[in-house]
Amino acid sequence: MLISFILAAFHISPSILAYTNRSIVQHPKFESQVIREKTEQFLEGLFSSEEEFYQLARRWEADWYVYQASMALDTSKESPRYVAGRKVVPPESALYSFHFAPETLKHFHLTHQNSYYRIFKVGDPPESRPQIQYQPGFDLSV
């Protein structure tokens, strides 16, 4: 049996594990130094290039990446931007592409989205291109 690993933010990974029975990269034991380091690497990766984030995903053997709109849009004190010490999302960052320009990504392929989440296949594109329903929250012109 082939095991598929899901890369997602620390705070939603436990739900993915519990409700989908899929293996996750970021486990919910934040008291662990290893998980705190992974969370830091994850956030830094989002603000780096797609290639750097891809190398991180490959190192963690992730097959899928679950993106949530708050990663780029939330500016509260609990937000990834605040925690990473980043006031702006650089246009050359993986985070910017995940939110506003998924068509420019080379290593992550959008397979599903709703108004809040996007699911990307990591690595090779899926065998067939899925029909993606438009969501205005991901449209830079809106």
Protein backbone atom coordinates (compact mmCIF):
# COMPACT_ATOMS: atom_id res chain seq x y z
CA MET A 1 0.00 0.00 0.00
CA LEU A 2 1.33 3.44 -0.97
CA ILE A 3 1.27 5.95 1.89
CA SER A 4 0.40 9.53 1.00
CA PHE A 5 1.68 12.36 3.21
CA ILE A 6 -0.21 15.63 3.65
CA LEU A 7 1.63 18.90 4.26
CA ALA A 8 -0.53 21.56 5.94
CA ALA A 9 -0.28 24.19 8.63
CA PHE A 10 0.30 22.92 12.16
CA HIS A 11 -3.15 23.91 13.41
CA ILE A 12 -5.19 22.08 10.73
CA SER A 13 -3.03 18.96 10.46
CA PRO A 14 -4.66 17.19 13.43
CA SER A 15 -8.08 17.46 11.78
CA ILE A 16 -6.69 16.04 8.55
CA LEU A 17 -5.18 13.15 10.48
CA ALA A 18 -8.36 12.52 12.48
CA TYR A 19 -10.94 12.82 9.71
CA THR A 20 -9.12 11.50 6.65
CA ASN A 21 -6.87 8.86 8.20
CA ARG A 22 -4.00 10.26 6.09
CA SER A 23 -0.46 10.69 7.33
CA ILE A 24 0.54 14.27 8.11
CA VAL A 25 3.89 16.06 8.15
CA GLN A 26 3.16 18.47 11.03
CA HIS A 27 1.99 16.49 14.04
CA PRO A 28 -0.08 18.13 16.79
CA LYS A 29 2.52 17.79 19.56
CA PHE A 30 3.76 21.39 19.57
CA GLU A 31 5.59 20.79 22.85
CA SER A 32 8.15 18.84 20.81
CA GLN A 33 11.26 20.75 19.70
CA VAL A 34 11.18 18.85 16.40
CA ILE A 35 7.64 20.06 15.61
CA ARG A 36 8.45 23.64 16.62
CA GLU A 37 11.42 23.52 14.22
CA LYS A 38 9.25 22.04 11.45
CA THR A 39 6.68 24.79 11.96
CA GLU A 40 9.40 27.42 11.69
CA GLN A 41 10.78 25.78 8.52
CA PHE A 42 7.26 25.56 7.09
CA LEU A 43 6.60 29.28 7.65
CA GLU A 44 10.01 30.30 6.30
CA GLY A 45 9.40 28.07 3.29
CA LEU A 46 6.14 29.82 2.49
CA PHE A 47 7.94 33.16 2.28
CA SER A 48 10.76 31.73 0.16
CA SER A 49 10.62 30.70 -3.50
CA GLU A 50 8.45 27.91 -4.81
CA GLU A 51 11.59 25.86 -5.46
CA GLU A 52 12.68 26.15 -1.82
CA PHE A 53 9.22 25.24 -0.55
CA TYR A 54 9.15 22.32 -2.96
CA GLN A 55 12.50 21.05 -1.65
CA LEU A 56 11.09 21.24 1.87
CA ALA A 57 7.98 19.30 0.81
CA ARG A 58 10.17 16.68 -0.88
CA ARG A 59 12.40 16.38 2.21
CA TRP A 60 9.25 15.68 4.23
CA GLU A 61 7.98 13.31 1.51
CA ALA A 62 4.75 15.28 1.11
CA ASP A 63 2.48 14.25 -1.75
CA TRP A 64 -0.17 16.91 -1.14
CA TYR A 65 -0.23 20.44 0.24
CA VAL A 66 -3.36 21.91 1.84
CA TYR A 67 -3.34 25.70 1.61
CA GLN A 68 -5.76 27.94 3.46
CA ALA A 69 -6.61 31.54 2.55
CA SER A 70 -5.68 32.88 5.97
CA MET A 71 -2.05 32.01 5.30
CA ALA A 72 -1.75 35.11 3.08
CA LEU A 73 -4.68 37.26 4.19
CA ASP A 74 -4.75 37.07 7.99
CA THR A 75 -2.72 39.76 9.77
CA SER A 76 -3.78 39.02 13.36
CA LYS A 77 -1.28 38.19 16.10
CA GLU A 78 -1.98 34.47 15.54
CA SER A 79 -1.47 34.65 11.78
CA PRO A 80 1.37 32.95 9.90
CA ARG A 81 2.50 36.37 8.68
CA TYR A 82 2.74 37.73 12.22
CA VAL A 83 4.39 34.60 13.63
CA ALA A 84 6.94 34.60 10.77
CA GLY A 85 7.61 38.32 11.30
CA ARG A 86 6.47 39.19 7.78
CA LYS A 87 4.24 42.21 7.21
CA VAL A 88 3.95 41.72 3.47
CA VAL A 89 3.70 38.71 1.18
CA PRO A 90 6.43 39.10 -1.46
CA PRO A 91 5.19 38.50 -5.03
CA GLU A 92 8.12 36.13 -5.63
CA SER A 93 7.20 33.93 -2.64
CA ALA A 94 5.56 30.53 -2.75
CA LEU A 95 2.83 31.92 -0.49
CA TYR A 96 1.89 34.59 -3.04
CA SER A 97 1.71 32.00 -5.81
CA PHE A 98 -0.39 29.59 -3.74
CA HIS A 99 -2.93 32.32 -3.14
CA PHE A 100 -2.91 34.56 -6.21
CA ALA A 101 -1.08 32.76 -9.02
CA PRO A 102 -1.30 28.95 -8.84
CA GLU A 103 -0.99 28.75 -12.63
CA THR A 104 2.63 29.92 -12.32
CA LEU A 105 3.64 27.05 -10.03
CA LYS A 106 5.86 24.33 -11.51
CA HIS A 107 5.92 21.79 -8.66
CA PHE A 108 2.47 22.25 -7.10
CA HIS A 109 -0.69 21.55 -9.08
CA LEU A 110 -4.08 22.85 -7.96
CA THR A 111 -6.55 19.96 -7.79
CA HIS A 112 -9.38 21.40 -5.70
CA GLN A 113 -10.50 24.62 -4.06
CA ASN A 114 -13.40 26.07 -2.17
CA SER A 115 -13.75 29.54 -0.72
CA TYR A 116 -11.10 28.91 1.94
CA TYR A 117 -8.92 25.90 1.06
CA ARG A 118 -6.85 24.85 -1.92
CA ILE A 119 -5.39 21.38 -2.36
CA PHE A 120 -2.22 21.02 -4.40
CA LYS A 121 -0.60 17.85 -5.70
CA VAL A 122 3.14 18.02 -5.04
CA GLY A 123 5.53 17.04 -7.84
CA ASP A 124 4.19 15.63 -11.06
CA PRO A 125 0.83 16.96 -12.23
CA PRO A 126 -2.26 14.78 -11.79
CA GLU A 127 -3.08 12.49 -14.70
CA SER A 128 -6.11 14.57 -15.63
CA ARG A 129 -6.60 18.27 -15.01
CA PRO A 130 -9.55 18.80 -12.69
CA GLN A 131 -12.18 21.46 -13.28
CA ILE A 132 -11.54 24.19 -10.67
CA GLN A 133 -14.49 26.31 -9.59
CA TYR A 134 -13.74 30.06 -9.48
CA GLN A 135 -13.47 31.59 -6.01
CA PRO A 136 -13.23 35.41 -5.77
CA GLY A 137 -11.21 35.31 -2.54
CA PHE A 138 -8.20 34.03 -4.51
CA ASP A 139 -8.52 36.63 -7.29
CA LEU A 140 -6.00 39.47 -6.97
CA SER A 141 -8.21 41.78 -9.03
CA VAL A 142 -10.98 41.46 -6.43
